[in-house]
Amino acid sequence: MEAGTTVLAIGGVPGAHAPSPWEWTFEAERYRTNGDHVAAFELLADAGRRFPDDAGVLYATACWEAMAGDTDAAIAHLSAAIGLEPKVSGWADGDADLDSIRGLPGSPV
């Protein structure tokens, strides 16, 4: 969200809204069609700084790294995500984004 942005939520709880980690991962998806890995990584790096122990952010980062060919980083982030939240292993099963690391030494998929 851009600095200075105002959000009006009808029926919402009064007060400041703290964005959730999925908002960064969702925003990164807009770069999928044009393959702009750099822009996606910038968003995910920001999410990683804000939410360093969020399995979803780590998983999304691993997916983008795997698609970009950074297999070592993808394996590390995916392993960290699974360590924080074991159900991430199920997300990874069959996720084509992770095909480049599937079966590699040290890869959890």
N, C-alpha and C. Protein backbone atom coordinates (compact mmCIF):
# COMPACT_ATOMS: atom_id res chain seq x y z
N MET A 1 0.84 -1.16 0.00
CA MET A 1 0.00 0.00 0.00
C MET A 1 0.89 1.24 0.00
N GLU A 2 0.53 2.21 -0.79
CA GLU A 2 1.30 3.44 -0.89
C GLU A 2 1.14 4.28 0.37
N ALA A 3 2.19 4.97 0.76
CA ALA A 3 2.13 5.88 1.90
C ALA A 3 1.05 6.92 1.64
N GLY A 4 0.28 7.24 2.67
CA GLY A 4 -0.77 8.23 2.54
C GLY A 4 -2.08 7.68 2.01
N THR A 5 -2.14 6.39 1.74
CA THR A 5 -3.37 5.77 1.23
C THR A 5 -4.38 5.69 2.36
N THR A 6 -5.60 6.03 2.07
CA THR A 6 -6.69 5.92 3.03
C THR A 6 -7.60 4.79 2.58
N VAL A 7 -7.99 3.95 3.52
CA VAL A 7 -8.89 2.84 3.23
C VAL A 7 -10.18 3.06 3.99
N LEU A 8 -11.30 2.96 3.30
CA LEU A 8 -12.61 3.07 3.92
C LEU A 8 -13.23 1.68 3.90
N ALA A 9 -13.51 1.16 5.09
CA ALA A 9 -14.11 -0.17 5.20
C ALA A 9 -15.50 -0.01 5.81
N ILE A 10 -16.50 -0.27 5.03
CA ILE A 10 -17.87 -0.17 5.51
C ILE A 10 -18.15 -1.39 6.37
N GLY A 11 -18.57 -1.12 7.60
CA GLY A 11 -18.85 -2.22 8.51
C GLY A 11 -17.61 -2.77 9.19
N GLY A 12 -16.46 -2.15 8.93
CA GLY A 12 -15.21 -2.61 9.52
C GLY A 12 -15.07 -2.11 10.95
N VAL A 13 -14.08 -2.63 11.61
CA VAL A 13 -13.76 -2.21 12.97
C VAL A 13 -13.03 -0.87 12.91
N PRO A 14 -13.47 0.11 13.70
CA PRO A 14 -12.80 1.42 13.68
C PRO A 14 -11.33 1.30 14.12
N GLY A 15 -10.50 2.15 13.54
CA GLY A 15 -9.09 2.18 13.90
C GLY A 15 -8.20 1.88 12.72
N ALA A 16 -6.93 1.86 13.01
CA ALA A 16 -5.94 1.60 11.96
C ALA A 16 -5.96 0.13 11.56
N HIS A 17 -5.77 -0.10 10.29
CA HIS A 17 -5.74 -1.46 9.74
C HIS A 17 -4.29 -1.86 9.51
N ALA A 18 -3.93 -3.01 10.01
CA ALA A 18 -2.59 -3.55 9.74
C ALA A 18 -2.72 -4.58 8.62
N PRO A 19 -2.06 -4.34 7.50
CA PRO A 19 -2.15 -5.29 6.39
C PRO A 19 -1.60 -6.66 6.79
N SER A 20 -2.16 -7.68 6.19
CA SER A 20 -1.68 -9.04 6.47
C SER A 20 -0.62 -9.42 5.45
N PRO A 21 0.21 -10.40 5.77
CA PRO A 21 1.28 -10.80 4.86
C PRO A 21 0.80 -11.21 3.47
N TRP A 22 -0.38 -11.81 3.38
CA TRP A 22 -0.83 -12.28 2.07
C TRP A 22 -1.00 -11.14 1.08
N GLU A 23 -1.17 -9.91 1.56
CA GLU A 23 -1.36 -8.79 0.65
C GLU A 23 -0.12 -8.57 -0.23
N TRP A 24 1.07 -8.79 0.32
CA TRP A 24 2.30 -8.66 -0.46
C TRP A 24 2.41 -9.81 -1.46
N THR A 25 2.11 -11.01 -1.02
CA THR A 25 2.22 -12.15 -1.93
C THR A 25 1.19 -12.04 -3.05
N PHE A 26 -0.01 -11.57 -2.72
CA PHE A 26 -1.04 -11.37 -3.74
C PHE A 26 -0.61 -10.30 -4.73
N GLU A 27 -0.03 -9.22 -4.22
CA GLU A 27 0.43 -8.14 -5.08
C GLU A 27 1.54 -8.61 -6.03
N ALA A 28 2.42 -9.48 -5.55
CA ALA A 28 3.51 -10.00 -6.39
C ALA A 28 2.97 -10.78 -7.59
N GLU A 29 1.81 -11.37 -7.43
CA GLU A 29 1.23 -12.18 -8.52
C GLU A 29 0.95 -11.37 -9.78
N ARG A 30 0.78 -10.07 -9.64
CA ARG A 30 0.51 -9.27 -10.84
C ARG A 30 1.70 -9.26 -11.79
N TYR A 31 2.87 -9.64 -11.31
CA TYR A 31 4.07 -9.67 -12.15
C TYR A 31 4.28 -11.02 -12.83
N ARG A 32 3.41 -11.96 -12.55
CA ARG A 32 3.54 -13.29 -13.13
C ARG A 32 3.39 -13.26 -14.65
N THR A 33 2.41 -12.53 -15.15
CA THR A 33 2.15 -12.55 -16.59
C THR A 33 3.29 -11.98 -17.42
N ASN A 34 3.98 -10.96 -16.88
CA ASN A 34 5.09 -10.39 -17.65
C ASN A 34 6.45 -10.91 -17.19
N GLY A 35 6.45 -11.79 -16.18
CA GLY A 35 7.69 -12.40 -15.71
C GLY A 35 8.65 -11.44 -15.06
N ASP A 36 8.14 -10.38 -14.47
CA ASP A 36 9.00 -9.38 -13.83
C ASP A 36 9.41 -9.87 -12.44
N HIS A 37 10.41 -10.75 -12.41
CA HIS A 37 10.86 -11.33 -11.15
C HIS A 37 11.44 -10.27 -10.21
N VAL A 38 12.11 -9.28 -10.77
CA VAL A 38 12.73 -8.25 -9.94
C VAL A 38 11.66 -7.51 -9.13
N ALA A 39 10.58 -7.11 -9.77
CA ALA A 39 9.51 -6.40 -9.06
C ALA A 39 8.86 -7.30 -8.02
N ALA A 40 8.64 -8.55 -8.36
CA ALA A 40 8.05 -9.49 -7.40
C ALA A 40 8.98 -9.68 -6.21
N PHE A 41 10.28 -9.84 -6.49
CA PHE A 41 11.25 -10.01 -5.39
C PHE A 41 11.29 -8.79 -4.48
N GLU A 42 11.16 -7.60 -5.04
CA GLU A 42 11.15 -6.38 -4.22
C GLU A 42 9.98 -6.39 -3.25
N LEU A 43 8.80 -6.75 -3.75
CA LEU A 43 7.63 -6.83 -2.88
C LEU A 43 7.82 -7.91 -1.81
N LEU A 44 8.31 -9.06 -2.22
CA LEU A 44 8.46 -10.17 -1.27
C LEU A 44 9.57 -9.90 -0.26
N ALA A 45 10.60 -9.17 -0.67
CA ALA A 45 11.65 -8.80 0.28
C ALA A 45 11.08 -7.87 1.35
N ASP A 46 10.24 -6.94 0.93
CA ASP A 46 9.58 -6.06 1.89
C ASP A 46 8.71 -6.87 2.84
N ALA A 47 7.96 -7.81 2.30
CA ALA A 47 7.12 -8.67 3.15
C ALA A 47 7.99 -9.48 4.11
N GLY A 48 9.12 -9.97 3.63
CA GLY A 48 10.03 -10.74 4.48
C GLY A 48 10.59 -9.93 5.63
N ARG A 49 10.84 -8.65 5.39
CA ARG A 49 11.31 -7.77 6.48
C ARG A 49 10.20 -7.52 7.50
N ARG A 50 9.00 -7.34 7.01
CA ARG A 50 7.87 -7.06 7.89
C ARG A 50 7.37 -8.31 8.64
N PHE A 51 7.42 -9.45 7.95
CA PHE A 51 6.87 -10.70 8.49
C PHE A 51 7.90 -11.82 8.30
N PRO A 52 9.02 -11.76 9.02
CA PRO A 52 10.10 -12.72 8.78
C PRO A 52 9.76 -14.17 9.08
N ASP A 53 8.76 -14.41 9.90
CA ASP A 53 8.40 -15.78 10.25
C ASP A 53 7.04 -16.19 9.69
N ASP A 54 6.67 -15.63 8.57
CA ASP A 54 5.40 -15.99 7.95
C ASP A 54 5.64 -17.05 6.88
N ALA A 55 5.05 -18.21 7.08
CA ALA A 55 5.25 -19.33 6.15
C ALA A 55 4.76 -19.00 4.74
N GLY A 56 3.68 -18.25 4.63
CA GLY A 56 3.16 -17.90 3.31
C GLY A 56 4.11 -17.01 2.52
N VAL A 57 4.72 -16.06 3.20
CA VAL A 57 5.69 -15.18 2.54
C VAL A 57 6.91 -15.99 2.12
N LEU A 58 7.39 -16.85 2.99
CA LEU A 58 8.54 -17.70 2.65
C LEU A 58 8.21 -18.61 1.48
N TYR A 59 7.02 -19.17 1.48
CA TYR A 59 6.59 -20.06 0.38
C TYR A 59 6.53 -19.30 -0.94
N ALA A 60 5.90 -18.12 -0.93
CA ALA A 60 5.81 -17.33 -2.16
C ALA A 60 7.19 -16.95 -2.66
N THR A 61 8.07 -16.59 -1.74
CA THR A 61 9.44 -16.25 -2.12
C THR A 61 10.13 -17.45 -2.76
N ALA A 62 9.94 -18.62 -2.18
CA ALA A 62 10.53 -19.85 -2.74
C ALA A 62 10.00 -20.10 -4.15
N CYS A 63 8.72 -19.90 -4.35
CA CYS A 63 8.14 -20.12 -5.68
C CYS A 63 8.77 -19.20 -6.72
N TRP A 64 8.88 -17.92 -6.39
CA TRP A 64 9.46 -16.97 -7.33
C TRP A 64 10.94 -17.27 -7.58
N GLU A 65 11.65 -17.66 -6.52
CA GLU A 65 13.07 -18.00 -6.70
C GLU A 65 13.23 -19.23 -7.59
N ALA A 66 12.38 -20.21 -7.38
CA ALA A 66 12.44 -21.42 -8.20
C ALA A 66 12.16 -21.08 -9.67
N MET A 67 11.17 -20.23 -9.90
CA MET A 67 10.85 -19.84 -11.29
C MET A 67 11.99 -19.05 -11.92
N ALA A 68 12.73 -18.30 -11.10
CA ALA A 68 13.84 -17.49 -11.61
C ALA A 68 15.13 -18.29 -11.74
N GLY A 69 15.12 -19.54 -11.25
CA GLY A 69 16.31 -20.38 -11.36
C GLY A 69 17.26 -20.30 -10.19
N ASP A 70 16.88 -19.62 -9.12
CA ASP A 70 17.72 -19.54 -7.92
C ASP A 70 17.35 -20.70 -7.01
N THR A 71 17.80 -21.89 -7.41
CA THR A 71 17.35 -23.11 -6.74
C THR A 71 17.80 -23.21 -5.28
N ASP A 72 19.02 -22.78 -4.98
CA ASP A 72 19.48 -22.87 -3.59
C ASP A 72 18.63 -22.01 -2.66
N ALA A 73 18.35 -20.79 -3.08
CA ALA A 73 17.52 -19.90 -2.26
C ALA A 73 16.10 -20.44 -2.15
N ALA A 74 15.58 -20.98 -3.25
CA ALA A 74 14.22 -21.53 -3.23
C ALA A 74 14.12 -22.70 -2.25
N ILE A 75 15.11 -23.57 -2.27
CA ILE A 75 15.11 -24.71 -1.35
C ILE A 75 15.17 -24.22 0.10
N ALA A 76 16.02 -23.24 0.36
CA ALA A 76 16.15 -22.71 1.72
C ALA A 76 14.85 -22.08 2.20
N HIS A 77 14.21 -21.26 1.36
CA HIS A 77 12.97 -20.61 1.77
C HIS A 77 11.83 -21.61 1.90
N LEU A 78 11.75 -22.58 1.01
CA LEU A 78 10.69 -23.58 1.12
C LEU A 78 10.89 -24.43 2.37
N SER A 79 12.11 -24.82 2.65
CA SER A 79 12.40 -25.59 3.86
C SER A 79 12.03 -24.80 5.12
N ALA A 80 12.34 -23.51 5.13
CA ALA A 80 11.99 -22.66 6.27
C ALA A 80 10.48 -22.55 6.42
N ALA A 81 9.77 -22.41 5.31
CA ALA A 81 8.31 -22.31 5.36
C ALA A 81 7.69 -23.58 5.93
N ILE A 82 8.18 -24.73 5.48
CA ILE A 82 7.67 -26.01 5.98
C ILE A 82 8.01 -26.18 7.45
N GLY A 83 9.19 -25.72 7.85
CA GLY A 83 9.57 -25.80 9.26
C GLY A 83 8.65 -25.00 10.16
N LEU A 84 8.17 -23.86 9.65
CA LEU A 84 7.25 -23.03 10.42
C LEU A 84 5.82 -23.55 10.38
N GLU A 85 5.44 -24.10 9.24
CA GLU A 85 4.06 -24.55 9.04
C GLU A 85 4.07 -25.81 8.17
N PRO A 86 4.00 -26.99 8.80
CA PRO A 86 4.09 -28.25 8.05
C PRO A 86 3.09 -28.40 6.90
N LYS A 87 1.92 -27.75 6.99
CA LYS A 87 0.94 -27.89 5.91
C LYS A 87 1.44 -27.30 4.58
N VAL A 88 2.50 -26.49 4.63
CA VAL A 88 3.07 -25.93 3.42
C VAL A 88 3.56 -27.05 2.50
N SER A 89 3.96 -28.14 3.08
CA SER A 89 4.40 -29.29 2.28
C SER A 89 3.29 -29.72 1.32
N GLY A 90 2.07 -29.68 1.78
CA GLY A 90 0.93 -30.01 0.92
C GLY A 90 0.73 -29.00 -0.18
N TRP A 91 1.00 -27.72 0.13
CA TRP A 91 0.87 -26.68 -0.90
C TRP A 91 1.88 -26.95 -2.02
N ALA A 92 3.06 -27.42 -1.64
CA ALA A 92 4.15 -27.61 -2.60
C ALA A 92 3.93 -28.81 -3.51
N ASP A 93 3.18 -29.79 -3.02
CA ASP A 93 2.92 -30.98 -3.84
C ASP A 93 2.20 -30.58 -5.12
N GLY A 94 2.84 -30.78 -6.23
CA GLY A 94 2.22 -30.49 -7.51
C GLY A 94 2.24 -29.02 -7.93
N ASP A 95 2.82 -28.13 -7.14
CA ASP A 95 2.89 -26.72 -7.52
C ASP A 95 3.96 -26.57 -8.60
N ALA A 96 3.54 -26.26 -9.80
CA ALA A 96 4.46 -26.17 -10.94
C ALA A 96 5.53 -25.09 -10.74
N ASP A 97 5.26 -24.10 -9.91
CA ASP A 97 6.27 -23.07 -9.64
C ASP A 97 7.54 -23.67 -9.07
N LEU A 98 7.42 -24.80 -8.39
CA LEU A 98 8.55 -25.42 -7.72
C LEU A 98 9.18 -26.56 -8.51
N ASP A 99 8.78 -26.74 -9.74
CA ASP A 99 9.29 -27.85 -10.54
C ASP A 99 10.81 -27.85 -10.68
N SER A 100 11.42 -26.67 -10.72
CA SER A 100 12.87 -26.61 -10.92
C SER A 100 13.67 -27.13 -9.72
N ILE A 101 13.02 -27.24 -8.56
CA ILE A 101 13.74 -27.75 -7.38
C ILE A 101 13.27 -29.14 -6.96
N ARG A 102 12.24 -29.64 -7.63
CA ARG A 102 11.69 -30.94 -7.29
C ARG A 102 12.76 -32.03 -7.48
N GLY A 103 13.06 -32.75 -6.40
CA GLY A 103 14.01 -33.86 -6.46
C GLY A 103 15.46 -33.46 -6.33
N LEU A 104 15.77 -32.18 -6.21
CA LEU A 104 17.16 -31.77 -6.03
C LEU A 104 17.65 -32.12 -4.63
N PRO A 105 18.94 -32.34 -4.45
CA PRO A 105 19.46 -32.62 -3.11
C PRO A 105 19.11 -31.50 -2.13
N GLY A 106 18.57 -31.87 -0.99
CA GLY A 106 18.18 -30.93 0.04
C GLY A 106 16.80 -30.35 -0.13
N SER A 107 16.17 -30.60 -1.27
CA SER A 107 14.83 -30.06 -1.52
C SER A 107 13.78 -30.87 -0.78
N PRO A 108 12.84 -30.18 -0.13
CA PRO A 108 11.76 -30.91 0.55
C PRO A 108 10.68 -31.41 -0.39
N VAL A 109 10.80 -31.12 -1.69
CA VAL A 109 9.82 -31.61 -2.66
C VAL A 109 10.51 -32.43 -3.74
